[in-house]
Amino acid sequence: MKPLTLNSLEDFLYRFESFTSSELSNIDIITPTSIKVELSVQDRHRSFDWIGLDFLFEEVVEARLVENEKLKLIDMDEGISIIHENGLFYFMLGDYKTASGTKSALCYIISKSLKFQEAQARL
């Protein structure tokens, strides 16, 4: 897995168009402080072909998760927000500009480390 850094965050969100219309596949709690999120998204670098992305959140500080059975029902038109602030990554479903809106999101994860890897699309 590759670490997502503050320097690469803006380009990463641009590449995947902030995950608008993506599809969440799975959320796994690996350990009490590690969570894996799997989704499918269109990749600007591949002429908008669908690919899978796996996120690994480590050193999780706080989270509100959605049950896997309900993931397919979530409207992803607003995409995902990933904000880096005060040494933490804030991952939220929806379009948020600051970390202050985190706890109003349907699903969120706050962690000290965020890694990702490409995978097979899960459509």
N, C-alpha and C. Protein backbone atom coordinates (compact mmCIF):
# COMPACT_ATOMS: atom_id res chain seq x y z
N MET A 1 0.84 -1.19 0.00
CA MET A 1 0.00 0.00 0.00
C MET A 1 0.89 1.25 0.00
N LYS A 2 0.37 2.28 -0.65
CA LYS A 2 1.10 3.55 -0.72
C LYS A 2 0.51 4.53 0.31
N PRO A 3 1.37 5.24 1.01
CA PRO A 3 0.82 6.25 1.94
C PRO A 3 0.27 7.44 1.17
N LEU A 4 -0.82 7.97 1.62
CA LEU A 4 -1.36 9.19 1.06
C LEU A 4 -0.78 10.33 1.88
N THR A 5 -0.15 11.28 1.23
CA THR A 5 0.51 12.37 1.93
C THR A 5 -0.22 13.68 1.69
N LEU A 6 0.07 14.64 2.53
CA LEU A 6 -0.53 15.96 2.38
C LEU A 6 -0.21 16.54 1.01
N ASN A 7 1.02 16.33 0.53
CA ASN A 7 1.44 16.87 -0.77
C ASN A 7 0.71 16.24 -1.95
N SER A 8 0.30 14.98 -1.82
CA SER A 8 -0.35 14.29 -2.93
C SER A 8 -1.88 14.29 -2.83
N LEU A 9 -2.42 14.77 -1.74
CA LEU A 9 -3.86 14.68 -1.49
C LEU A 9 -4.71 15.39 -2.56
N GLU A 10 -4.36 16.60 -2.91
CA GLU A 10 -5.15 17.37 -3.89
C GLU A 10 -5.17 16.66 -5.25
N ASP A 11 -4.01 16.20 -5.72
CA ASP A 11 -3.95 15.49 -7.00
C ASP A 11 -4.72 14.18 -6.94
N PHE A 12 -4.66 13.50 -5.80
CA PHE A 12 -5.38 12.24 -5.61
C PHE A 12 -6.89 12.46 -5.73
N LEU A 13 -7.40 13.48 -5.06
CA LEU A 13 -8.84 13.78 -5.14
C LEU A 13 -9.25 14.21 -6.54
N TYR A 14 -8.39 14.95 -7.23
CA TYR A 14 -8.66 15.35 -8.61
C TYR A 14 -8.71 14.12 -9.53
N ARG A 15 -7.75 13.22 -9.35
CA ARG A 15 -7.69 12.02 -10.18
C ARG A 15 -8.98 11.21 -10.13
N PHE A 16 -9.58 11.14 -8.95
CA PHE A 16 -10.80 10.35 -8.78
C PHE A 16 -12.04 11.21 -8.62
N GLU A 17 -11.95 12.48 -9.02
CA GLU A 17 -13.07 13.42 -8.97
C GLU A 17 -13.80 13.41 -7.64
N SER A 18 -13.00 13.41 -6.56
CA SER A 18 -13.52 13.39 -5.19
C SER A 18 -14.50 12.24 -4.96
N PHE A 19 -14.35 11.19 -5.76
CA PHE A 19 -15.12 9.95 -5.58
C PHE A 19 -16.62 10.14 -5.80
N THR A 20 -17.00 11.13 -6.60
CA THR A 20 -18.42 11.29 -6.91
C THR A 20 -18.89 10.08 -7.70
N SER A 21 -20.05 9.61 -7.36
CA SER A 21 -20.69 8.45 -7.99
C SER A 21 -19.87 7.17 -7.85
N SER A 22 -18.98 7.11 -6.87
CA SER A 22 -18.24 5.87 -6.61
C SER A 22 -19.18 4.89 -5.91
N GLU A 23 -18.71 3.66 -5.71
CA GLU A 23 -19.53 2.65 -5.04
C GLU A 23 -18.73 2.03 -3.90
N LEU A 24 -19.26 2.14 -2.69
CA LEU A 24 -18.64 1.52 -1.53
C LEU A 24 -18.94 0.03 -1.55
N SER A 25 -17.92 -0.80 -1.33
CA SER A 25 -18.09 -2.24 -1.36
C SER A 25 -18.06 -2.87 0.02
N ASN A 26 -17.12 -2.42 0.86
CA ASN A 26 -16.89 -3.12 2.11
C ASN A 26 -16.15 -2.22 3.10
N ILE A 27 -16.49 -2.36 4.37
CA ILE A 27 -15.74 -1.73 5.45
C ILE A 27 -15.40 -2.82 6.45
N ASP A 28 -14.11 -3.02 6.70
CA ASP A 28 -13.66 -4.05 7.63
C ASP A 28 -12.89 -3.41 8.78
N ILE A 29 -13.23 -3.80 9.98
CA ILE A 29 -12.44 -3.40 11.14
C ILE A 29 -11.38 -4.48 11.30
N ILE A 30 -10.14 -4.14 11.00
CA ILE A 30 -9.03 -5.09 11.05
C ILE A 30 -8.58 -5.29 12.50
N THR A 31 -8.36 -4.19 13.19
CA THR A 31 -8.02 -4.18 14.62
C THR A 31 -8.77 -2.99 15.21
N PRO A 32 -8.74 -2.80 16.52
CA PRO A 32 -9.43 -1.64 17.09
C PRO A 32 -8.94 -0.29 16.57
N THR A 33 -7.73 -0.26 15.98
CA THR A 33 -7.21 1.01 15.46
C THR A 33 -6.89 0.96 13.97
N SER A 34 -7.36 -0.06 13.25
CA SER A 34 -7.14 -0.18 11.81
C SER A 34 -8.44 -0.54 11.11
N ILE A 35 -8.77 0.22 10.08
CA ILE A 35 -10.00 0.00 9.32
C ILE A 35 -9.66 0.00 7.83
N LYS A 36 -10.23 -0.95 7.10
CA LYS A 36 -10.05 -1.03 5.66
C LYS A 36 -11.38 -0.71 4.98
N VAL A 37 -11.33 0.17 3.97
CA VAL A 37 -12.51 0.55 3.19
C VAL A 37 -12.22 0.20 1.74
N GLU A 38 -13.14 -0.53 1.11
CA GLU A 38 -13.02 -0.90 -0.29
C GLU A 38 -14.11 -0.21 -1.09
N LEU A 39 -13.72 0.33 -2.25
CA LEU A 39 -14.70 0.97 -3.12
C LEU A 39 -14.28 0.87 -4.57
N SER A 40 -15.20 1.18 -5.45
CA SER A 40 -14.93 1.25 -6.88
C SER A 40 -15.16 2.68 -7.33
N VAL A 41 -14.29 3.14 -8.23
CA VAL A 41 -14.32 4.54 -8.64
C VAL A 41 -13.81 4.65 -10.07
N GLN A 42 -14.20 5.72 -10.74
CA GLN A 42 -13.69 5.97 -12.09
C GLN A 42 -12.36 6.73 -11.98
N ASP A 43 -11.38 6.30 -12.78
CA ASP A 43 -10.02 6.82 -12.72
C ASP A 43 -9.76 7.73 -13.93
N ARG A 44 -9.52 8.99 -13.67
CA ARG A 44 -9.22 9.97 -14.72
C ARG A 44 -7.98 9.55 -15.52
N HIS A 45 -7.00 8.91 -14.86
CA HIS A 45 -5.77 8.48 -15.54
C HIS A 45 -5.98 7.31 -16.48
N ARG A 46 -7.12 6.66 -16.40
CA ARG A 46 -7.42 5.52 -17.26
C ARG A 46 -8.67 5.78 -18.09
N SER A 47 -8.82 7.00 -18.55
CA SER A 47 -9.98 7.39 -19.37
C SER A 47 -11.29 7.06 -18.69
N PHE A 48 -11.32 7.23 -17.38
CA PHE A 48 -12.50 7.04 -16.55
C PHE A 48 -13.00 5.61 -16.50
N ASP A 49 -12.10 4.65 -16.73
CA ASP A 49 -12.45 3.24 -16.48
C ASP A 49 -12.62 3.04 -14.98
N TRP A 50 -13.42 2.06 -14.62
CA TRP A 50 -13.65 1.75 -13.20
C TRP A 50 -12.49 0.92 -12.66
N ILE A 51 -12.02 1.29 -11.47
CA ILE A 51 -11.02 0.49 -10.76
C ILE A 51 -11.46 0.37 -9.31
N GLY A 52 -10.86 -0.56 -8.61
CA GLY A 52 -11.09 -0.68 -7.18
C GLY A 52 -10.00 0.07 -6.43
N LEU A 53 -10.35 0.62 -5.30
CA LEU A 53 -9.38 1.25 -4.40
C LEU A 53 -9.62 0.72 -3.01
N ASP A 54 -8.55 0.35 -2.35
CA ASP A 54 -8.62 -0.08 -0.96
C ASP A 54 -7.90 0.96 -0.12
N PHE A 55 -8.56 1.46 0.90
CA PHE A 55 -7.97 2.39 1.85
C PHE A 55 -7.68 1.65 3.14
N LEU A 56 -6.54 1.93 3.73
CA LEU A 56 -6.22 1.39 5.04
C LEU A 56 -5.96 2.56 5.99
N PHE A 57 -6.82 2.69 6.97
CA PHE A 57 -6.68 3.73 7.99
C PHE A 57 -6.02 3.08 9.20
N GLU A 58 -4.89 3.65 9.62
CA GLU A 58 -4.19 3.12 10.78
C GLU A 58 -4.13 4.21 11.85
N GLU A 59 -4.00 3.77 13.08
CA GLU A 59 -4.03 4.68 14.23
C GLU A 59 -5.33 5.51 14.22
N VAL A 60 -6.44 4.78 14.08
CA VAL A 60 -7.76 5.42 14.04
C VAL A 60 -8.06 6.04 15.40
N VAL A 61 -8.47 7.29 15.36
CA VAL A 61 -8.79 8.04 16.58
C VAL A 61 -10.28 7.93 16.89
N GLU A 62 -11.10 8.00 15.83
CA GLU A 62 -12.56 7.96 16.00
C GLU A 62 -13.19 7.57 14.67
N ALA A 63 -14.36 6.94 14.73
CA ALA A 63 -15.04 6.54 13.50
C ALA A 63 -16.52 6.34 13.75
N ARG A 64 -17.30 6.59 12.71
CA ARG A 64 -18.71 6.19 12.65
C ARG A 64 -18.84 5.45 11.32
N LEU A 65 -19.18 4.19 11.39
CA LEU A 65 -19.21 3.34 10.21
C LEU A 65 -20.64 2.93 9.87
N VAL A 66 -20.82 2.50 8.65
CA VAL A 66 -22.10 2.00 8.15
C VAL A 66 -21.95 0.50 7.96
N GLU A 67 -23.01 -0.23 8.27
CA GLU A 67 -22.98 -1.69 8.09
C GLU A 67 -22.81 -2.02 6.61
N ASN A 68 -22.04 -3.06 6.33
CA ASN A 68 -21.75 -3.45 4.94
C ASN A 68 -23.01 -3.69 4.11
N GLU A 69 -24.05 -4.24 4.74
CA GLU A 69 -25.29 -4.52 4.00
C GLU A 69 -25.96 -3.23 3.48
N LYS A 70 -25.65 -2.10 4.08
CA LYS A 70 -26.28 -0.84 3.70
C LYS A 70 -25.42 0.01 2.76
N LEU A 71 -24.19 -0.40 2.50
CA LEU A 71 -23.28 0.42 1.69
C LEU A 71 -23.80 0.68 0.29
N LYS A 72 -24.37 -0.31 -0.35
CA LYS A 72 -24.88 -0.16 -1.73
C LYS A 72 -26.05 0.83 -1.81
N LEU A 73 -26.70 1.10 -0.68
CA LEU A 73 -27.85 2.01 -0.66
C LEU A 73 -27.45 3.48 -0.50
N ILE A 74 -26.19 3.73 -0.23
CA ILE A 74 -25.73 5.10 0.03
C ILE A 74 -25.58 5.86 -1.28
N ASP A 75 -26.17 7.04 -1.34
CA ASP A 75 -26.06 7.92 -2.50
C ASP A 75 -24.69 8.59 -2.47
N MET A 76 -23.86 8.29 -3.46
CA MET A 76 -22.50 8.82 -3.49
C MET A 76 -22.35 10.00 -4.46
N ASP A 77 -23.45 10.67 -4.77
CA ASP A 77 -23.38 11.82 -5.69
C ASP A 77 -22.49 12.94 -5.17
N GLU A 78 -22.38 13.08 -3.84
CA GLU A 78 -21.51 14.12 -3.27
C GLU A 78 -20.09 13.62 -3.04
N GLY A 79 -19.83 12.36 -3.31
CA GLY A 79 -18.50 11.81 -3.22
C GLY A 79 -17.99 11.65 -1.80
N ILE A 80 -16.68 11.73 -1.68
CA ILE A 80 -15.99 11.55 -0.41
C ILE A 80 -15.07 12.74 -0.20
N SER A 81 -14.99 13.19 1.02
CA SER A 81 -14.04 14.24 1.37
C SER A 81 -12.91 13.62 2.18
N ILE A 82 -11.69 13.99 1.83
CA ILE A 82 -10.52 13.60 2.61
C ILE A 82 -9.77 14.88 2.91
N ILE A 83 -9.66 15.19 4.18
CA ILE A 83 -9.02 16.43 4.63
C ILE A 83 -7.88 16.06 5.58
N HIS A 84 -6.76 16.73 5.43
CA HIS A 84 -5.64 16.54 6.35
C HIS A 84 -5.50 17.83 7.16
N GLU A 85 -5.65 17.69 8.47
CA GLU A 85 -5.62 18.85 9.35
C GLU A 85 -5.07 18.43 10.71
N ASN A 86 -4.19 19.22 11.27
CA ASN A 86 -3.61 18.95 12.60
C ASN A 86 -3.02 17.55 12.71
N GLY A 87 -2.38 17.07 11.64
CA GLY A 87 -1.73 15.77 11.66
C GLY A 87 -2.67 14.58 11.54
N LEU A 88 -3.94 14.84 11.23
CA LEU A 88 -4.93 13.76 11.12
C LEU A 88 -5.59 13.78 9.74
N PHE A 89 -5.98 12.59 9.28
CA PHE A 89 -6.78 12.47 8.07
C PHE A 89 -8.24 12.34 8.48
N TYR A 90 -9.09 13.13 7.84
CA TYR A 90 -10.54 13.09 8.07
C TYR A 90 -11.16 12.58 6.77
N PHE A 91 -11.77 11.41 6.83
CA PHE A 91 -12.40 10.76 5.69
C PHE A 91 -13.90 10.78 5.95
N MET A 92 -14.67 11.41 5.05
CA MET A 92 -16.10 11.57 5.28
C MET A 92 -16.88 11.30 3.99
N LEU A 93 -18.03 10.67 4.12
CA LEU A 93 -18.94 10.56 2.98
C LEU A 93 -19.64 11.89 2.83
N GLY A 94 -19.54 12.48 1.64
CA GLY A 94 -20.17 13.77 1.38
C GLY A 94 -19.14 14.82 1.04
N ASP A 95 -19.63 15.99 0.67
CA ASP A 95 -18.78 17.10 0.25
C ASP A 95 -18.56 18.05 1.42
N TYR A 96 -17.42 17.94 2.07
CA TYR A 96 -17.07 18.79 3.20
C TYR A 96 -15.78 19.52 2.89
N LYS A 97 -15.70 20.79 3.28
CA LYS A 97 -14.52 21.62 3.00
C LYS A 97 -13.58 21.71 4.19
N THR A 98 -14.09 21.44 5.39
CA THR A 98 -13.27 21.52 6.59
C THR A 98 -13.54 20.30 7.48
N ALA A 99 -12.63 20.05 8.38
CA ALA A 99 -12.78 18.92 9.30
C ALA A 99 -13.88 19.15 10.32
N SER A 100 -14.32 20.38 10.49
CA SER A 100 -15.34 20.68 11.50
C SER A 100 -16.68 20.00 11.22
N GLY A 101 -16.93 19.63 9.97
CA GLY A 101 -18.19 18.96 9.62
C GLY A 101 -18.15 17.46 9.76
N THR A 102 -17.03 16.93 10.20
CA THR A 102 -16.83 15.49 10.23
C THR A 102 -17.96 14.74 10.93
N LYS A 103 -18.30 15.15 12.12
CA LYS A 103 -19.24 14.37 12.92
C LYS A 103 -20.68 14.45 12.43
N SER A 104 -20.96 15.31 11.46
CA SER A 104 -22.30 15.35 10.88
C SER A 104 -22.40 14.43 9.65
N ALA A 105 -21.29 13.85 9.24
CA ALA A 105 -21.29 12.93 8.09
C ALA A 105 -21.92 11.59 8.48
N LEU A 106 -22.57 10.97 7.53
CA LEU A 106 -23.19 9.66 7.73
C LEU A 106 -22.14 8.62 8.15
N CYS A 107 -20.97 8.71 7.56
CA CYS A 107 -19.88 7.78 7.85
C CYS A 107 -18.59 8.58 7.83
N TYR A 108 -17.74 8.38 8.84
CA TYR A 108 -16.46 9.07 8.85
C TYR A 108 -15.42 8.24 9.58
N ILE A 109 -14.16 8.53 9.26
CA ILE A 109 -13.02 7.92 9.94
C ILE A 109 -11.98 9.01 10.15
N ILE A 110 -11.46 9.11 11.34
CA ILE A 110 -10.38 10.04 11.65
C ILE A 110 -9.18 9.19 12.05
N SER A 111 -8.07 9.37 11.34
CA SER A 111 -6.89 8.55 11.62
C SER A 111 -5.61 9.35 11.44
N LYS A 112 -4.53 8.80 11.96
CA LYS A 112 -3.22 9.43 11.84
C LYS A 112 -2.51 9.02 10.56
N SER A 113 -2.91 7.89 9.98
CA SER A 113 -2.25 7.36 8.79
C SER A 113 -3.30 6.87 7.80
N LEU A 114 -3.05 7.13 6.52
CA LEU A 114 -3.96 6.68 5.47
C LEU A 114 -3.13 6.16 4.31
N LYS A 115 -3.38 4.91 3.92
CA LYS A 115 -2.70 4.29 2.78
C LYS A 115 -3.75 3.80 1.80
N PHE A 116 -3.32 3.60 0.54
CA PHE A 116 -4.25 3.09 -0.46
C PHE A 116 -3.52 2.17 -1.42
N GLN A 117 -4.31 1.34 -2.10
CA GLN A 117 -3.79 0.54 -3.20
C GLN A 117 -4.90 0.31 -4.21
N GLU A 118 -4.49 0.19 -5.46
CA GLU A 118 -5.45 -0.10 -6.52
C GLU A 118 -5.80 -1.57 -6.48
N ALA A 119 -7.01 -1.89 -6.91
CA ALA A 119 -7.50 -3.26 -6.89
C ALA A 119 -8.45 -3.44 -8.09
N GLN A 120 -8.98 -4.63 -8.20
CA GLN A 120 -9.98 -4.92 -9.23
C GLN A 120 -11.29 -4.21 -8.87
N ALA A 121 -11.95 -3.60 -9.85
CA ALA A 121 -13.23 -2.96 -9.60
C ALA A 121 -14.24 -3.99 -9.11
N ARG A 122 -15.10 -3.58 -8.18
CA ARG A 122 -16.09 -4.48 -7.59
C ARG A 122 -17.49 -3.97 -7.91
N LEU A 123 -17.87 -4.03 -9.15
CA LEU A 123 -19.19 -3.52 -9.55
C LEU A 123 -20.21 -4.62 -9.66
